[in-house]
Amino acid sequence: MSPEKAVKLELKMEQIPHKIKVFNVDGTPNKTAWITQSVTAKYVIGTKKMTNTFLISGLGKEEIILGLPWLRKYNPDIPQVRGVLDFIPPMESLRRVDIRAKLSASQRLEHGITRSVKDTSATIPTYLEEYQEQFEDKAAERFPVSRSYDHAIELKPEFTPRDCKIYSLTALEQTELDDFLHENLWKGYIQKLKSPIASLFFFVGKKEKGKLRPTQDYRWLNHGTDTTIFLKLDLRNGYNNIQIKDGDQWKATFKTN
């Protein structure tokens, strides 16, 4: 239930024993970040009286979501064509309740599921909780929006662009390369480009046996800048959390076979 709806209904909010990290349907962190409160509400759908506890969270345009636990508890019949909920209690006559034909049955199920994960506050410092999504896979997989601090590649006036040769790859590395290109072209992280500069692309081994890490050799490019300080920070897909400044993409070109 949205906090606005709870206030409107004058429901008493209570602290839950353990806060819950909440995600949107697409797996990205909800703007509320953490669920810490709940309310208990009595309500009626048609002639059926119900009492349930609702977690308080930002829901966008929605006010209340009756999720999968609710469907499991009451087990209503949901004919998609008629757009109604049918409650069929044992030994009682069928009761029909009209509902908004806004979502299909499968969409209701998906939209109503709240994904929660184990509280990670033990591993993420309190002062970084608002940036929790930067340490999680789903949010890091989205292409970042352009910001005022997009990464600018400022080259020295005397810098001379140069091309490079292509590394020979093993059969396993070639398969990894094909998968890498397909995935990242599809996500929009990379694009095909003609450029006077190209950096080497190759693979290095990961700690996990048999795993390979795609690597670009940007030493020549870095040599052509005045950058002297580099930061190592453990972020999910860290290189993809910030865009290259528009107009500088050609400088980061790498070459593959």
C-alpha atoms as a PDB file:
ATOM      1  CA  MET A   1       0.000   0.000   0.000  1.00  0.00           C
ATOM      2  CA  SER A   2       1.243   3.476  -0.780  1.00  0.00           C
ATOM      3  CA  PRO A   3       1.963   5.711   2.232  1.00  0.00           C
ATOM      4  CA  GLU A   4      -0.432   8.318   0.810  1.00  0.00           C
ATOM      5  CA  LYS A   5      -3.292   5.800   0.787  1.00  0.00           C
ATOM      6  CA  ALA A   6      -2.522   4.702   4.343  1.00  0.00           C
ATOM      7  CA  VAL A   7      -2.635   8.312   5.540  1.00  0.00           C
ATOM      8  CA  LYS A   8      -5.856   8.950   3.622  1.00  0.00           C
ATOM      9  CA  LEU A   9      -7.504   5.935   5.293  1.00  0.00           C
ATOM     10  CA  GLU A  10      -6.096   7.016   8.685  1.00  0.00           C
ATOM     11  CA  LEU A  11      -4.473   3.634   9.229  1.00  0.00           C
ATOM     12  CA  LYS A  12      -1.944   3.209  12.012  1.00  0.00           C
ATOM     13  CA  MET A  13       1.544   2.476  10.701  1.00  0.00           C
ATOM     14  CA  GLU A  14       3.683   0.049  12.677  1.00  0.00           C
ATOM     15  CA  GLN A  15       7.371  -0.775  12.431  1.00  0.00           C
ATOM     16  CA  ILE A  16       8.133  -4.226  11.037  1.00  0.00           C
ATOM     17  CA  PRO A  17      10.734  -6.393  12.848  1.00  0.00           C
ATOM     18  CA  HIS A  18      13.212  -6.367   9.966  1.00  0.00           C
ATOM     19  CA  LYS A  19      13.370  -3.879   7.110  1.00  0.00           C
ATOM     20  CA  ILE A  20      12.961  -5.277   3.596  1.00  0.00           C
ATOM     21  CA  LYS A  21      14.809  -4.222   0.445  1.00  0.00           C
ATOM     22  CA  VAL A  22      12.112  -3.834  -2.196  1.00  0.00           C
ATOM     23  CA  PHE A  23      12.422  -4.097  -5.978  1.00  0.00           C
ATOM     24  CA  ASN A  24      10.214  -3.038  -8.867  1.00  0.00           C
ATOM     25  CA  VAL A  25       8.728  -5.572 -11.274  1.00  0.00           C
ATOM     26  CA  ASP A  26      11.705  -5.163 -13.629  1.00  0.00           C
ATOM     27  CA  GLY A  27      14.116  -6.008 -10.839  1.00  0.00           C
ATOM     28  CA  THR A  28      15.423  -2.478 -10.245  1.00  0.00           C
ATOM     29  CA  PRO A  29      15.429  -1.058  -6.702  1.00  0.00           C
ATOM     30  CA  ASN A  30      12.243   0.762  -5.714  1.00  0.00           C
ATOM     31  CA  LYS A  31      12.663   4.476  -4.969  1.00  0.00           C
ATOM     32  CA  THR A  32      11.439   3.797  -1.417  1.00  0.00           C
ATOM     33  CA  ALA A  33      14.581   1.626  -1.058  1.00  0.00           C
ATOM     34  CA  TRP A  34      13.550  -0.067   2.178  1.00  0.00           C
ATOM     35  CA  ILE A  35      10.185  -1.139   3.608  1.00  0.00           C
ATOM     36  CA  THR A  36      10.081  -0.408   7.326  1.00  0.00           C
ATOM     37  CA  GLN A  37       6.349  -0.072   8.109  1.00  0.00           C
ATOM     38  CA  SER A  38       3.078  -1.932   7.678  1.00  0.00           C
ATOM     39  CA  VAL A  39      -0.635  -1.359   8.296  1.00  0.00           C
ATOM     40  CA  THR A  40      -3.542  -3.689   8.964  1.00  0.00           C
ATOM     41  CA  ALA A  41      -6.726  -2.896   7.054  1.00  0.00           C
ATOM     42  CA  LYS A  42     -10.264  -4.282   6.891  1.00  0.00           C
ATOM     43  CA  TYR A  43     -11.952  -4.015   3.506  1.00  0.00           C
ATOM     44  CA  VAL A  44     -14.694  -5.489   1.363  1.00  0.00           C
ATOM     45  CA  ILE A  45     -14.589  -6.712  -2.239  1.00  0.00           C
ATOM     46  CA  GLY A  46     -18.144  -7.283  -3.380  1.00  0.00           C
ATOM     47  CA  THR A  47     -19.679  -9.003  -0.358  1.00  0.00           C
ATOM     48  CA  LYS A  48     -16.467 -10.664   0.835  1.00  0.00           C
ATOM     49  CA  LYS A  49     -14.972  -9.129   3.987  1.00  0.00           C
ATOM     50  CA  MET A  50     -11.216  -9.363   4.411  1.00  0.00           C
ATOM     51  CA  THR A  51      -8.497  -8.291   6.837  1.00  0.00           C
ATOM     52  CA  ASN A  52      -4.885  -8.107   5.712  1.00  0.00           C
ATOM     53  CA  THR A  53      -1.552  -6.574   6.615  1.00  0.00           C
ATOM     54  CA  PHE A  54      -0.056  -4.351   3.919  1.00  0.00           C
ATOM     55  CA  LEU A  55       3.579  -3.313   3.624  1.00  0.00           C
ATOM     56  CA  ILE A  56       4.086   0.412   3.024  1.00  0.00           C
ATOM     57  CA  SER A  57       6.019   1.301  -0.131  1.00  0.00           C
ATOM     58  CA  GLY A  58       6.005   3.753  -3.023  1.00  0.00           C
ATOM     59  CA  LEU A  59       3.791   2.318  -5.783  1.00  0.00           C
ATOM     60  CA  GLY A  60       3.821   5.037  -8.412  1.00  0.00           C
ATOM     61  CA  LYS A  61       0.289   5.552  -9.761  1.00  0.00           C
ATOM     62  CA  GLU A  62      -1.089   2.569  -7.845  1.00  0.00           C
ATOM     63  CA  GLU A  63      -2.509   2.862  -4.329  1.00  0.00           C
ATOM     64  CA  ILE A  64      -2.750  -0.797  -3.338  1.00  0.00           C
ATOM     65  CA  ILE A  65      -1.337  -3.979  -4.839  1.00  0.00           C
ATOM     66  CA  LEU A  66      -2.869  -7.324  -3.950  1.00  0.00           C
ATOM     67  CA  GLY A  67       0.097  -9.553  -4.663  1.00  0.00           C
ATOM     68  CA  LEU A  68       0.830 -13.236  -4.986  1.00  0.00           C
ATOM     69  CA  PRO A  69       0.432 -14.007  -1.235  1.00  0.00           C
ATOM     70  CA  TRP A  70      -3.077 -12.519  -1.413  1.00  0.00           C
ATOM     71  CA  LEU A  71      -3.938 -14.622  -4.478  1.00  0.00           C
ATOM     72  CA  ARG A  72      -2.665 -17.745  -2.757  1.00  0.00           C
ATOM     73  CA  LYS A  73      -4.682 -17.025   0.386  1.00  0.00           C
ATOM     74  CA  TYR A  74      -8.035 -16.278  -1.261  1.00  0.00           C
ATOM     75  CA  ASN A  75      -7.523 -18.212  -4.504  1.00  0.00           C
ATOM     76  CA  PRO A  76     -10.059 -16.283  -6.606  1.00  0.00           C
ATOM     77  CA  ASP A  77     -10.954 -17.415 -10.105  1.00  0.00           C
ATOM     78  CA  ILE A  78      -9.791 -14.794 -12.642  1.00  0.00           C
ATOM     79  CA  PRO A  79     -11.418 -15.281 -16.061  1.00  0.00           C
ATOM     80  CA  GLN A  80      -9.393 -13.071 -18.403  1.00  0.00           C
ATOM     81  CA  VAL A  81     -12.187 -12.497 -20.904  1.00  0.00           C
ATOM     82  CA  ARG A  82     -14.828 -11.329 -18.418  1.00  0.00           C
ATOM     83  CA  GLY A  83     -12.472  -9.226 -16.261  1.00  0.00           C
ATOM     84  CA  VAL A  84     -13.976 -10.305 -12.931  1.00  0.00           C
ATOM     85  CA  LEU A  85     -12.922 -11.952  -9.656  1.00  0.00           C
ATOM     86  CA  ASP A  86     -14.950 -14.987  -8.618  1.00  0.00           C
ATOM     87  CA  PHE A  87     -14.733 -16.027  -4.954  1.00  0.00           C
ATOM     88  CA  ILE A  88     -15.991 -19.570  -4.470  1.00  0.00           C
ATOM     89  CA  PRO A  89     -16.059 -20.438  -0.739  1.00  0.00           C
ATOM     90  CA  PRO A  90     -16.829 -24.082   0.144  1.00  0.00           C
ATOM     91  CA  MET A  91     -20.563 -24.899   0.249  1.00  0.00           C
ATOM     92  CA  GLU A  92     -21.526 -21.363  -0.757  1.00  0.00           C
ATOM     93  CA  SER A  93     -23.010 -19.980  -3.948  1.00  0.00           C
ATOM     94  CA  LEU A  94     -20.754 -18.292  -6.486  1.00  0.00           C
ATOM     95  CA  ARG A  95     -20.165 -14.569  -5.967  1.00  0.00           C
ATOM     96  CA  ARG A  96     -18.944 -12.283  -8.733  1.00  0.00           C
ATOM     97  CA  VAL A  97     -17.167  -8.949  -8.307  1.00  0.00           C
ATOM     98  CA  ASP A  98     -16.498  -6.623 -11.261  1.00  0.00           C
ATOM     99  CA  ILE A  99     -12.944  -5.265 -11.453  1.00  0.00           C
ATOM    100  CA  ARG A 100     -11.077  -2.851 -13.706  1.00  0.00           C
ATOM    101  CA  ALA A 101      -9.848  -4.505 -16.897  1.00  0.00           C
ATOM    102  CA  LYS A 102      -6.495  -2.789 -16.551  1.00  0.00           C
ATOM    103  CA  LEU A 103      -4.151  -5.770 -16.426  1.00  0.00           C
ATOM    104  CA  SER A 104      -4.292  -9.330 -17.697  1.00  0.00           C
ATOM    105  CA  ALA A 105      -4.220 -12.150 -15.154  1.00  0.00           C
ATOM    106  CA  SER A 106      -0.534 -12.816 -15.794  1.00  0.00           C
ATOM    107  CA  GLN A 107       0.252  -9.109 -15.476  1.00  0.00           C
ATOM    108  CA  ARG A 108      -1.602  -8.936 -12.154  1.00  0.00           C
ATOM    109  CA  LEU A 109       0.496 -11.772 -10.843  1.00  0.00           C
ATOM    110  CA  GLU A 110       3.723 -10.156 -12.021  1.00  0.00           C
ATOM    111  CA  HIS A 111       2.782  -6.662 -10.878  1.00  0.00           C
ATOM    112  CA  GLY A 112       1.741  -7.913  -7.463  1.00  0.00           C
ATOM    113  CA  ILE A 113       4.950  -9.725  -6.618  1.00  0.00           C
ATOM    114  CA  THR A 114       7.237  -7.852  -4.234  1.00  0.00           C
ATOM    115  CA  ARG A 115      10.761  -9.133  -4.542  1.00  0.00           C
ATOM    116  CA  SER A 116      12.675  -8.997  -1.303  1.00  0.00           C
ATOM    117  CA  VAL A 117      16.235  -9.958  -0.565  1.00  0.00           C
ATOM    118  CA  LYS A 118      18.235 -10.538   2.562  1.00  0.00           C
ATOM    119  CA  ASP A 119      19.037  -7.350   4.467  1.00  0.00           C
ATOM    120  CA  THR A 120      22.517  -6.370   3.305  1.00  0.00           C
ATOM    121  CA  SER A 121      22.989  -3.547   5.805  1.00  0.00           C
ATOM    122  CA  ALA A 122      25.580  -5.733   7.531  1.00  0.00           C
ATOM    123  CA  THR A 123      27.827  -5.468   4.468  1.00  0.00           C
ATOM    124  CA  ILE A 124      26.874  -2.009   3.163  1.00  0.00           C
ATOM    125  CA  PRO A 125      27.761   0.908   5.487  1.00  0.00           C
ATOM    126  CA  THR A 126      24.788   2.987   6.618  1.00  0.00           C
ATOM    127  CA  TYR A 127      26.110   6.105   4.900  1.00  0.00           C
ATOM    128  CA  LEU A 128      26.068   4.244   1.553  1.00  0.00           C
ATOM    129  CA  GLU A 129      22.580   2.721   1.817  1.00  0.00           C
ATOM    130  CA  GLU A 130      21.058   5.311  -0.512  1.00  0.00           C
ATOM    131  CA  TYR A 131      23.554   4.145  -3.165  1.00  0.00           C
ATOM    132  CA  GLN A 132      22.802   0.444  -2.621  1.00  0.00           C
ATOM    133  CA  GLU A 133      21.661  -0.035  -6.215  1.00  0.00           C
ATOM    134  CA  GLN A 134      25.180   0.757  -7.400  1.00  0.00           C
ATOM    135  CA  PHE A 135      26.311  -2.509  -5.803  1.00  0.00           C
ATOM    136  CA  GLU A 136      23.555  -4.642  -7.315  1.00  0.00           C
ATOM    137  CA  ASP A 137      23.416  -6.444 -10.643  1.00  0.00           C
ATOM    138  CA  LYS A 138      20.027  -5.370 -12.019  1.00  0.00           C
ATOM    139  CA  ALA A 139      20.437  -1.632 -11.720  1.00  0.00           C
ATOM    140  CA  ALA A 140      23.996  -1.856 -13.021  1.00  0.00           C
ATOM    141  CA  GLU A 141      22.774  -3.607 -16.182  1.00  0.00           C
ATOM    142  CA  ARG A 142      20.802  -0.586 -17.352  1.00  0.00           C
ATOM    143  CA  PHE A 143      22.434   1.885 -19.746  1.00  0.00           C
ATOM    144  CA  PRO A 144      23.067   5.066 -17.716  1.00  0.00           C
ATOM    145  CA  VAL A 145      21.451   8.375 -18.596  1.00  0.00           C
ATOM    146  CA  SER A 146      23.604  11.297 -19.680  1.00  0.00           C
ATOM    147  CA  ARG A 147      24.707  13.456 -16.744  1.00  0.00           C
ATOM    148  CA  SER A 148      26.736  16.620 -16.208  1.00  0.00           C
ATOM    149  CA  TYR A 149      29.690  14.485 -15.119  1.00  0.00           C
ATOM    150  CA  ASP A 150      29.803  12.178 -18.160  1.00  0.00           C
ATOM    151  CA  HIS A 151      33.344  10.881 -18.651  1.00  0.00           C
ATOM    152  CA  ALA A 152      35.312  13.264 -20.859  1.00  0.00           C
ATOM    153  CA  ILE A 153      38.484  11.964 -22.536  1.00  0.00           C
ATOM    154  CA  GLU A 154      40.669  15.059 -22.852  1.00  0.00           C
ATOM    155  CA  LEU A 155      43.722  14.387 -25.024  1.00  0.00           C
ATOM    156  CA  LYS A 156      46.991  16.279 -25.082  1.00  0.00           C
ATOM    157  CA  PRO A 157      47.454  18.528 -28.145  1.00  0.00           C
ATOM    158  CA  GLU A 158      50.444  16.454 -29.282  1.00  0.00           C
ATOM    159  CA  PHE A 159      48.623  13.114 -28.973  1.00  0.00           C
ATOM    160  CA  THR A 160      48.789  10.982 -32.129  1.00  0.00           C
ATOM    161  CA  PRO A 161      46.010   8.407 -32.625  1.00  0.00           C
ATOM    162  CA  ARG A 162      47.168   4.991 -33.749  1.00  0.00           C
ATOM    163  CA  ASP A 163      45.601   1.761 -34.875  1.00  0.00           C
ATOM    164  CA  CYS A 164      46.425  -1.672 -33.483  1.00  0.00           C
ATOM    165  CA  LYS A 165      46.696  -5.275 -34.559  1.00  0.00           C
ATOM    166  CA  ILE A 166      44.264  -8.000 -33.516  1.00  0.00           C
ATOM    167  CA  TYR A 167      45.152 -10.635 -30.955  1.00  0.00           C
ATOM    168  CA  SER A 168      44.778 -14.259 -31.994  1.00  0.00           C
ATOM    169  CA  LEU A 169      42.082 -15.982 -29.928  1.00  0.00           C
ATOM    170  CA  THR A 170      41.557 -19.576 -28.877  1.00  0.00           C
ATOM    171  CA  ALA A 171      38.279 -21.318 -29.720  1.00  0.00           C
ATOM    172  CA  LEU A 172      37.007 -20.657 -26.180  1.00  0.00           C
ATOM    173  CA  GLU A 173      38.026 -16.994 -26.344  1.00  0.00           C
ATOM    174  CA  GLN A 174      36.317 -16.611 -29.725  1.00  0.00           C
ATOM    175  CA  THR A 175      33.081 -17.960 -28.259  1.00  0.00           C
ATOM    176  CA  GLU A 176      33.406 -15.577 -25.310  1.00  0.00           C
ATOM    177  CA  LEU A 177      34.047 -12.683 -27.705  1.00  0.00           C
ATOM    178  CA  ASP A 178      30.981 -13.492 -29.802  1.00  0.00           C
ATOM    179  CA  ASP A 179      28.835 -13.604 -26.651  1.00  0.00           C
ATOM    180  CA  PHE A 180      30.366 -10.368 -25.337  1.00  0.00           C
ATOM    181  CA  LEU A 181      29.717  -8.477 -28.568  1.00  0.00           C
ATOM    182  CA  HIS A 182      26.181  -9.809 -28.957  1.00  0.00           C
ATOM    183  CA  GLU A 183      25.177  -8.944 -25.385  1.00  0.00           C
ATOM    184  CA  ASN A 184      26.755  -5.502 -25.227  1.00  0.00           C
ATOM    185  CA  LEU A 185      25.591  -4.414 -28.680  1.00  0.00           C
ATOM    186  CA  TRP A 186      22.074  -5.477 -27.693  1.00  0.00           C
ATOM    187  CA  LYS A 187      22.239  -3.535 -24.404  1.00  0.00           C
ATOM    188  CA  GLY A 188      23.617  -0.470 -26.157  1.00  0.00           C
ATOM    189  CA  TYR A 189      26.827  -0.421 -24.111  1.00  0.00           C
ATOM    190  CA  ILE A 190      28.931  -0.494 -27.285  1.00  0.00           C
ATOM    191  CA  GLN A 191      28.380   0.350 -30.947  1.00  0.00           C
ATOM    192  CA  LYS A 192      30.136  -0.273 -34.245  1.00  0.00           C
ATOM    193  CA  LEU A 193      32.332   2.662 -35.149  1.00  0.00           C
ATOM    194  CA  LYS A 194      35.087   3.765 -37.531  1.00  0.00           C
ATOM    195  CA  SER A 195      37.859   5.636 -35.738  1.00  0.00           C
ATOM    196  CA  PRO A 196      41.499   6.695 -36.330  1.00  0.00           C
ATOM    197  CA  ILE A 197      42.369   5.123 -32.968  1.00  0.00           C
ATOM    198  CA  ALA A 198      41.836   1.548 -31.813  1.00  0.00           C
ATOM    199  CA  SER A 199      42.890  -0.238 -28.637  1.00  0.00           C
ATOM    200  CA  LEU A 200      43.694  -3.930 -28.251  1.00  0.00           C
ATOM    201  CA  PHE A 201      41.010  -6.331 -27.046  1.00  0.00           C
ATOM    202  CA  PHE A 202      41.913  -9.597 -25.336  1.00  0.00           C
ATOM    203  CA  PHE A 203      40.967 -11.866 -22.425  1.00  0.00           C
ATOM    204  CA  VAL A 204      42.558 -12.485 -19.041  1.00  0.00           C
ATOM    205  CA  GLY A 205      41.709 -15.287 -16.644  1.00  0.00           C
ATOM    206  CA  LYS A 206      39.405 -14.731 -13.672  1.00  0.00           C
ATOM    207  CA  LYS A 207      39.873 -16.235 -10.216  1.00  0.00           C
ATOM    208  CA  GLU A 208      37.139 -18.733 -11.049  1.00  0.00           C
ATOM    209  CA  LYS A 209      38.661 -21.612 -12.970  1.00  0.00           C
ATOM    210  CA  GLY A 210      37.881 -21.467 -16.686  1.00  0.00           C
ATOM    211  CA  LYS A 211      36.341 -17.964 -16.522  1.00  0.00           C
ATOM    212  CA  LEU A 212      37.564 -15.181 -18.805  1.00  0.00           C
ATOM    213  CA  ARG A 213      37.445 -11.404 -18.396  1.00  0.00           C
ATOM    214  CA  PRO A 214      37.257  -9.179 -21.522  1.00  0.00           C
ATOM    215  CA  THR A 215      39.970  -6.522 -21.405  1.00  0.00           C
ATOM    216  CA  GLN A 216      40.817  -3.449 -23.458  1.00  0.00           C
ATOM    217  CA  ASP A 217      44.398  -2.190 -23.499  1.00  0.00           C
ATOM    218  CA  TYR A 218      43.973   1.585 -23.114  1.00  0.00           C
ATOM    219  CA  ARG A 219      47.569   2.309 -22.088  1.00  0.00           C
ATOM    220  CA  TRP A 220      48.301   4.338 -25.224  1.00  0.00           C
ATOM    221  CA  LEU A 221      45.084   6.312 -24.797  1.00  0.00           C
ATOM    222  CA  ASN A 222      45.814   6.958 -21.104  1.00  0.00           C
ATOM    223  CA  HIS A 223      49.316   8.075 -22.053  1.00  0.00           C
ATOM    224  CA  GLY A 224      47.717  10.709 -24.277  1.00  0.00           C
ATOM    225  CA  THR A 225      45.848  12.313 -21.365  1.00  0.00           C
ATOM    226  CA  ASP A 226      46.979  14.228 -18.292  1.00  0.00           C
ATOM    227  CA  THR A 227      45.259  11.760 -15.969  1.00  0.00           C
ATOM    228  CA  THR A 228      47.504  10.674 -13.096  1.00  0.00           C
ATOM    229  CA  ILE A 229      45.078   9.390 -10.443  1.00  0.00           C
ATOM    230  CA  PHE A 230      42.974   6.257 -10.918  1.00  0.00           C
ATOM    231  CA  LEU A 231      40.384   4.847  -8.505  1.00  0.00           C
ATOM    232  CA  LYS A 232      39.668   1.192  -7.826  1.00  0.00           C
ATOM    233  CA  LEU A 233      36.130   0.670  -6.490  1.00  0.00           C
ATOM    234  CA  ASP A 234      34.117  -2.552  -6.388  1.00  0.00           C
ATOM    235  CA  LEU A 235      30.948  -1.635  -8.281  1.00  0.00           C
ATOM    236  CA  ARG A 236      28.746  -3.923 -10.346  1.00  0.00           C
ATOM    237  CA  ASN A 237      29.636  -3.355 -14.005  1.00  0.00           C
ATOM    238  CA  GLY A 238      31.418  -0.215 -12.846  1.00  0.00           C
ATOM    239  CA  TYR A 239      32.552   0.894 -16.310  1.00  0.00           C
ATOM    240  CA  ASN A 240      28.922   0.942 -17.435  1.00  0.00           C
ATOM    241  CA  ASN A 241      27.637   3.162 -14.622  1.00  0.00           C
ATOM    242  CA  ILE A 242      28.633   6.346 -16.415  1.00  0.00           C
ATOM    243  CA  GLN A 243      28.485   7.413 -20.051  1.00  0.00           C
ATOM    244  CA  ILE A 244      31.420   8.602 -22.116  1.00  0.00           C
ATOM    245  CA  LYS A 245      30.849  12.266 -22.932  1.00  0.00           C
ATOM    246  CA  ASP A 246      29.099  12.703 -26.257  1.00  0.00           C
ATOM    247  CA  GLY A 247      31.690  13.312 -28.960  1.00  0.00           C
ATOM    248  CA  ASP A 248      34.453  11.415 -27.145  1.00  0.00           C
ATOM    249  CA  GLN A 249      33.231   7.893 -27.915  1.00  0.00           C
ATOM    250  CA  TRP A 250      35.608   7.478 -30.874  1.00  0.00           C
ATOM    251  CA  LYS A 251      38.597   7.806 -28.533  1.00  0.00           C
ATOM    252  CA  ALA A 252      37.619   4.647 -26.623  1.00  0.00           C
ATOM    253  CA  THR A 253      37.313   2.445 -29.721  1.00  0.00           C
ATOM    254  CA  PHE A 254      38.677  -1.091 -29.419  1.00  0.00           C
ATOM    255  CA  LYS A 255      39.239  -3.595 -32.222  1.00  0.00           C
ATOM    256  CA  THR A 256      38.144  -7.236 -32.464  1.00  0.00           C
ATOM    257  CA  ASN A 257      38.101  -9.824 -35.227  1.00  0.00           C
END
